Amino acid sequence: MTALTFALGALLFLGQTARPVTLVAEVRAAIAAHDLTRAEAIVAKRRADQGNTAEVLEAASWLGRGALGEGKFDQAEKYAVDAQKQIFAALAGRPVDVDPRFATALGATIEVQAQAAAGRGARSEAVTYLQRELEKYRTTSLLKRLQKNINLLSLEGKPAPALQVADALGVKAPALTSLRGKPVLLFFWAHWCGDCKAQLPVLARLKSEYGPRLRMEAPTQLYGYVARGEEAPPPAERKYIGEVWGKYYASLADVPVPVGSDNFRNYGASTTPTLVLIDSNGVVRLYHPGNLSYEELRQAVAQVIAR
């Protein structure tokens, strides 16, 4: 059984109910099998059948990410530029957030072009390009994603952005400037985030191992809903976040939890978890969207403490 067949089979079967494979899932499965030619053919066929729908364009945006993952920077950039032109044509002047799939696709094309440039050694040009796009899309849903990519290319080695701590759950949250002299690990998380819960054992182990030598803060934000996507006003969601924190993150009970969207915007935390390690002088030494293993994160912490 090929990797593609297995992936598609897994997506098609859930209990007793067969679910249709989405176009994006099919393209991603082909990319995961390192078959960019097939991924491109899948997109081309659907485009021929349906035109440049939002779904087709979101799938097309994955081609650039696939080529980027293979280290094919020129091909990745070509895919991204082509997809971006088609996205603008399909939007026809409408706001990018008219459909979340347009925003996802456009964000991917910008991201790929920047990362391809950085991969070719033009890091400063990539950051300049991202900053220009950030100003263009500052009032859209792309803001955090673009800031994340700027941070990925430029934040390490720079002073950590200020953390807004006026609003926090439970334990009072200290300002980062008051923690100078000790390393700080920021854990950006969300109440709905399964990957955040998966990161917990690593954080708890490091907290136990390093004790007061490593400070932690766990910024989060309101999303407008609670369990099962039920809409909720801020007070109800805050209460729910507190319940989730107490139930699933009890081993981090004394870790401050600042609440606010500004922190997520400033740190570009469009991915949860996002881990940020700051040294005793307030300089970012690690910026990582996504999970990290104990070995990876411990190595980074040990290096910062050894400074």
Protein backbone atom coordinates (compact mmCIF):
# COMPACT_ATOMS: atom_id res chain seq x y z
CA MET A 1 0.00 0.00 0.00
CA THR A 2 1.44 3.38 -0.96
CA ALA A 3 1.62 6.31 1.46
CA LEU A 4 -0.92 8.19 -0.67
CA THR A 5 -3.36 5.27 -0.69
CA PHE A 6 -3.04 4.85 3.05
CA ALA A 7 -3.53 8.56 3.73
CA LEU A 8 -6.58 8.78 1.54
CA GLY A 9 -8.01 5.61 3.01
CA ALA A 10 -7.64 7.00 6.50
CA LEU A 11 -9.42 10.18 5.48
CA LEU A 12 -12.23 8.28 3.78
CA PHE A 13 -13.09 6.09 6.74
CA LEU A 14 -14.39 7.20 10.12
CA GLY A 15 -16.35 4.61 12.07
CA GLN A 16 -19.21 3.45 9.91
CA THR A 17 -19.41 6.67 7.87
CA ALA A 18 -17.41 7.38 4.72
CA ARG A 19 -16.47 11.03 4.27
CA PRO A 20 -15.41 12.49 0.94
CA VAL A 21 -11.75 13.41 0.67
CA THR A 22 -11.37 17.16 0.35
CA LEU A 23 -9.27 18.56 -2.46
CA VAL A 24 -6.79 20.09 -0.03
CA ALA A 25 -6.42 16.79 1.83
CA GLU A 26 -5.79 14.96 -1.43
CA VAL A 27 -3.13 17.46 -2.52
CA ARG A 28 -1.47 17.36 0.91
CA ALA A 29 -1.41 13.57 0.80
CA ALA A 30 0.38 13.65 -2.53
CA ILE A 31 2.88 16.17 -1.16
CA ALA A 32 3.45 14.01 1.91
CA ALA A 33 4.28 11.17 -0.50
CA HIS A 34 6.85 13.49 -2.17
CA ASP A 35 4.84 13.44 -5.39
CA LEU A 36 4.59 17.07 -6.46
CA THR A 37 3.77 16.06 -10.04
CA ARG A 38 0.64 14.25 -8.86
CA ALA A 39 -0.31 17.11 -6.54
CA GLU A 40 -0.06 19.56 -9.44
CA ALA A 41 -2.14 17.25 -11.66
CA ILE A 42 -4.86 17.01 -9.00
CA VAL A 43 -5.12 20.80 -8.80
CA ALA A 44 -5.06 21.18 -12.60
CA LYS A 45 -7.90 18.69 -13.07
CA ARG A 46 -10.13 20.31 -10.46
CA ARG A 47 -9.39 23.75 -11.91
CA ALA A 48 -10.38 22.51 -15.37
CA ASP A 49 -13.62 21.10 -13.95
CA GLN A 50 -14.63 23.93 -11.63
CA GLY A 51 -12.46 26.96 -12.33
CA ASN A 52 -10.53 28.91 -9.70
CA THR A 53 -12.80 28.41 -6.71
CA ALA A 54 -11.57 29.28 -3.22
CA GLU A 55 -11.05 25.57 -2.57
CA VAL A 56 -8.97 25.14 -5.74
CA LEU A 57 -6.82 28.13 -4.88
CA GLU A 58 -6.26 26.93 -1.32
CA ALA A 59 -5.14 23.59 -2.74
CA ALA A 60 -2.90 25.36 -5.27
CA SER A 61 -1.22 27.26 -2.45
CA TRP A 62 0.00 23.93 -1.08
CA LEU A 63 2.09 23.32 -4.19
CA GLY A 64 4.50 26.06 -3.19
CA ARG A 65 4.72 24.70 0.34
CA GLY A 66 5.40 21.25 -1.07
CA ALA A 67 8.25 22.48 -3.26
CA LEU A 68 9.63 24.50 -0.37
CA GLY A 69 9.70 21.37 1.78
CA GLU A 70 11.75 19.66 -0.92
CA GLY A 71 14.24 22.53 -0.96
CA LYS A 72 13.21 23.54 -4.49
CA PHE A 73 13.17 27.28 -3.87
CA ASP A 74 12.77 28.48 -7.47
CA GLN A 75 9.92 26.07 -8.13
CA ALA A 76 8.28 27.01 -4.83
CA GLU A 77 8.42 30.69 -5.73
CA LYS A 78 6.94 30.03 -9.18
CA TYR A 79 4.03 28.07 -7.69
CA ALA A 80 3.43 30.85 -5.16
CA VAL A 81 3.54 33.69 -7.68
CA ASP A 82 1.20 31.86 -10.06
CA ALA A 83 -1.27 31.05 -7.27
CA GLN A 84 -1.17 34.62 -6.00
CA LYS A 85 -2.07 36.02 -9.42
CA GLN A 86 -5.02 33.64 -9.61
CA ILE A 87 -6.16 34.57 -6.10
CA PHE A 88 -6.20 38.27 -6.94
CA ALA A 89 -8.13 37.54 -10.14
CA ALA A 90 -10.68 35.46 -8.24
CA LEU A 91 -11.09 38.10 -5.52
CA ALA A 92 -11.73 40.75 -8.19
CA GLY A 93 -11.20 43.56 -5.70
CA ARG A 94 -13.12 41.96 -2.84
CA PRO A 95 -11.54 41.83 0.65
CA VAL A 96 -9.28 38.83 1.21
CA ASP A 97 -11.37 37.74 4.20
CA VAL A 98 -14.49 37.33 2.09
CA ASP A 99 -13.69 33.60 2.33
CA PRO A 100 -11.26 32.09 4.87
CA ARG A 101 -9.82 29.89 2.12
CA PHE A 102 -8.75 32.92 0.12
CA ALA A 103 -6.97 34.30 3.18
CA THR A 104 -5.29 30.96 3.86
CA ALA A 105 -4.16 30.65 0.24
CA LEU A 106 -2.87 34.21 -0.02
CA GLY A 107 -1.04 33.92 3.30
CA ALA A 108 0.64 30.77 2.05
CA THR A 109 1.81 32.39 -1.19
CA ILE A 110 3.38 35.29 0.71
CA GLU A 111 4.97 32.92 3.21
CA VAL A 112 6.44 30.70 0.50
CA GLN A 113 7.94 33.61 -1.44
CA ALA A 114 9.61 34.93 1.72
CA GLN A 115 10.93 31.55 2.80
CA ALA A 116 12.18 30.76 -0.70
CA ALA A 117 14.12 34.03 -0.71
CA ALA A 118 15.54 33.28 2.73
CA GLY A 119 16.44 29.77 1.58
CA ARG A 120 18.50 31.29 -1.22
CA GLY A 121 20.34 33.46 1.31
CA ALA A 122 18.34 36.68 0.84
CA ARG A 123 17.05 36.82 4.42
CA SER A 124 16.98 40.62 4.76
CA GLU A 125 15.09 40.94 1.46
CA ALA A 126 12.61 38.33 2.67
CA VAL A 127 11.98 40.26 5.89
CA THR A 128 11.54 43.52 3.96
CA TYR A 129 9.01 41.82 1.67
CA LEU A 130 7.08 40.44 4.65
CA GLN A 131 7.05 43.81 6.39
CA ARG A 132 5.64 45.41 3.25
CA GLU A 133 2.92 42.77 3.01
CA LEU A 134 2.18 43.16 6.72
CA GLU A 135 1.45 46.85 6.25
CA LYS A 136 -0.78 46.02 3.30
CA TYR A 137 -2.80 43.40 5.21
CA ARG A 138 -2.55 44.77 8.76
CA THR A 139 -6.33 44.98 9.19
CA THR A 140 -6.99 41.45 7.90
CA SER A 141 -6.73 37.94 9.31
CA LEU A 142 -3.27 37.66 7.71
CA LEU A 143 -1.64 39.90 10.32
CA LYS A 144 -0.53 37.25 12.82
CA ARG A 145 0.63 34.86 10.13
CA LEU A 146 2.79 37.51 8.49
CA GLN A 147 4.20 38.62 11.85
CA LYS A 148 5.01 34.99 12.63
CA ASN A 149 7.04 34.72 9.44
CA ILE A 150 8.86 37.97 10.16
CA ASN A 151 9.69 36.63 13.61
CA LEU A 152 10.88 33.32 12.21
CA LEU A 153 13.42 35.15 10.07
CA SER A 154 14.41 37.98 12.38
CA LEU A 155 13.31 37.73 16.02
CA GLU A 156 16.00 35.42 17.38
CA GLY A 157 18.86 37.55 18.67
CA LYS A 158 16.58 40.58 19.11
CA PRO A 159 14.98 42.01 22.29
CA ALA A 160 11.72 40.29 23.14
CA PRO A 161 8.57 42.33 22.41
CA ALA A 162 6.80 43.57 25.52
CA LEU A 163 4.18 41.25 26.97
CA GLN A 164 0.82 42.78 27.92
CA VAL A 165 0.08 41.44 31.40
CA ALA A 166 -2.65 43.72 32.80
CA ASP A 167 -5.28 41.02 32.26
CA ALA A 168 -4.38 37.56 33.52
CA LEU A 169 -6.07 34.45 34.89
CA GLY A 170 -5.26 33.44 38.45
CA VAL A 171 -1.63 34.23 39.24
CA LYS A 172 -0.59 37.84 38.62
CA ALA A 173 1.57 38.02 35.48
CA PRO A 174 4.86 39.93 35.77
CA ALA A 175 6.17 42.14 32.97
CA LEU A 176 9.10 40.65 31.06
CA THR A 177 11.35 43.52 32.12
CA SER A 178 10.84 42.54 35.75
CA LEU A 179 12.18 39.05 34.99
CA ARG A 180 15.59 40.18 33.72
CA GLY A 181 18.31 38.03 35.21
CA LYS A 182 16.47 34.77 34.58
CA PRO A 183 15.51 32.99 31.34
CA VAL A 184 11.82 33.04 30.45
CA LEU A 185 9.87 30.51 28.40
CA LEU A 186 6.65 31.77 26.80
CA PHE A 187 4.03 29.17 25.93
CA PHE A 188 1.34 30.62 23.64
CA TRP A 189 -1.68 28.32 23.84
CA ALA A 190 -5.42 28.14 23.15
CA HIS A 191 -8.21 26.43 25.05
CA TRP A 192 -9.22 24.42 21.97
CA CYS A 193 -5.67 23.36 21.05
CA GLY A 194 -4.86 19.64 21.19
CA ASP A 195 -1.21 20.22 20.29
CA CYS A 196 -0.92 22.54 23.29
CA LYS A 197 -2.06 19.75 25.59
CA ALA A 198 0.46 17.44 23.90
CA GLN A 199 3.24 19.95 24.73
CA LEU A 200 2.34 19.97 28.43
CA PRO A 201 4.44 16.98 29.60
CA VAL A 202 7.57 18.60 28.14
CA LEU A 203 6.87 21.90 29.87
CA ALA A 204 6.02 20.23 33.17
CA ARG A 205 9.23 18.18 33.06
CA LEU A 206 11.37 21.26 32.36
CA LYS A 207 9.59 23.20 35.10
CA SER A 208 10.31 20.41 37.58
CA GLU A 209 13.90 20.05 36.41
CA TYR A 210 14.90 23.71 36.41
CA GLY A 211 12.62 25.11 39.09
CA PRO A 212 13.15 28.84 39.77
CA ARG A 213 16.05 29.03 37.29
CA LEU A 214 13.49 29.09 34.45
CA ARG A 215 10.42 31.33 34.57
CA MET A 216 7.37 30.51 32.46
CA GLU A 217 4.38 32.49 31.24
CA ALA A 218 1.49 31.07 29.22
CA PRO A 219 -0.23 33.79 27.16
CA THR A 220 -3.62 33.01 25.67
CA GLN A 221 -6.49 34.97 24.13
CA LEU A 222 -10.25 34.96 23.67
CA TYR A 223 -11.64 33.36 20.50
CA GLY A 224 -15.35 34.03 20.97
CA TYR A 225 -16.41 30.46 21.68
CA VAL A 226 -16.13 27.63 24.17
CA ALA A 227 -16.61 23.85 23.95
CA ARG A 228 -17.92 22.45 20.66
CA GLY A 229 -17.60 25.87 19.03
CA GLU A 230 -20.49 27.35 21.02
CA GLU A 231 -20.39 31.14 20.86
CA ALA A 232 -19.70 32.79 24.19
CA PRO A 233 -19.30 36.36 25.51
CA PRO A 234 -15.92 37.27 27.05
CA PRO A 235 -16.84 36.56 30.71
CA ALA A 236 -18.11 33.08 29.85
CA GLU A 237 -15.08 32.30 27.70
CA ARG A 238 -12.68 33.53 30.38
CA LYS A 239 -14.38 31.22 32.87
CA TYR A 240 -14.10 28.34 30.41
CA ILE A 241 -10.39 29.05 29.76
CA GLY A 242 -9.81 28.92 33.51
CA GLU A 243 -11.56 25.57 33.69
CA VAL A 244 -9.48 24.16 30.82
CA TRP A 245 -6.27 25.44 32.39
CA GLY A 246 -7.16 23.94 35.76
CA LYS A 247 -8.20 20.59 34.29
CA TYR A 248 -5.50 19.94 31.70
CA TYR A 249 -2.59 22.11 32.84
CA ALA A 250 -2.64 21.51 36.60
CA SER A 251 1.12 20.86 36.64
CA LEU A 252 1.58 24.48 35.50
CA ALA A 253 -0.91 25.87 38.02
CA ASP A 254 1.47 28.57 39.31
CA VAL A 255 2.43 29.75 35.81
CA PRO A 256 0.90 33.15 34.97
CA VAL A 257 -1.63 33.22 32.11
CA PRO A 258 -1.83 36.68 30.49
CA VAL A 259 -4.96 37.08 28.36
CA GLY A 260 -4.97 39.33 25.32
CA SER A 261 -4.84 39.40 21.54
CA ASP A 262 -2.04 42.00 21.46
CA ASN A 263 0.47 39.43 22.69
CA PHE A 264 -0.51 37.06 19.89
CA ARG A 265 -0.24 39.83 17.31
CA ASN A 266 3.13 41.10 18.54
CA TYR A 267 4.62 37.61 18.66
CA GLY A 268 2.91 36.43 15.48
CA ALA A 269 1.43 33.47 17.33
CA SER A 270 -0.89 32.31 14.55
CA THR A 271 0.17 28.76 15.40
CA THR A 272 -0.53 27.20 18.78
CA PRO A 273 1.50 26.29 20.60
CA THR A 274 4.21 28.84 19.89
CA LEU A 275 7.28 28.61 22.12
CA VAL A 276 9.56 31.59 22.75
CA LEU A 277 12.69 31.30 24.88
CA ILE A 278 14.14 34.56 26.19
CA ASP A 279 17.54 34.79 27.87
CA SER A 280 18.36 36.62 31.11
CA ASN A 281 19.08 39.82 29.18
CA GLY A 282 15.64 39.85 27.53
CA VAL A 283 16.88 38.64 24.14
CA VAL A 284 14.95 36.00 22.16
CA ARG A 285 17.05 32.87 21.68
CA LEU A 286 14.35 30.54 20.34
CA TYR A 287 11.18 31.28 18.39
CA HIS A 288 9.30 28.14 17.40
CA PRO A 289 5.69 27.84 16.15
CA GLY A 290 4.52 24.30 16.90
CA ASN A 291 5.52 21.52 19.26
CA LEU A 292 9.05 20.70 20.39
CA SER A 293 10.31 17.50 21.95
CA TYR A 294 11.78 17.43 25.44
CA GLU A 295 15.26 16.88 24.03
CA GLU A 296 15.00 19.83 21.62
CA LEU A 297 13.57 22.27 24.11
CA ARG A 298 15.81 21.16 26.97
CA GLN A 299 18.90 21.68 24.81
CA ALA A 300 17.80 25.25 24.06
CA VAL A 301 17.01 25.94 27.72
CA ALA A 302 20.31 24.47 28.88
CA GLN A 303 22.23 26.66 26.44
CA VAL A 304 20.45 29.79 27.62
CA ILE A 305 20.98 28.96 31.29
CA ALA A 306 24.65 28.20 30.61
CA ARG A 307 25.06 31.78 29.36
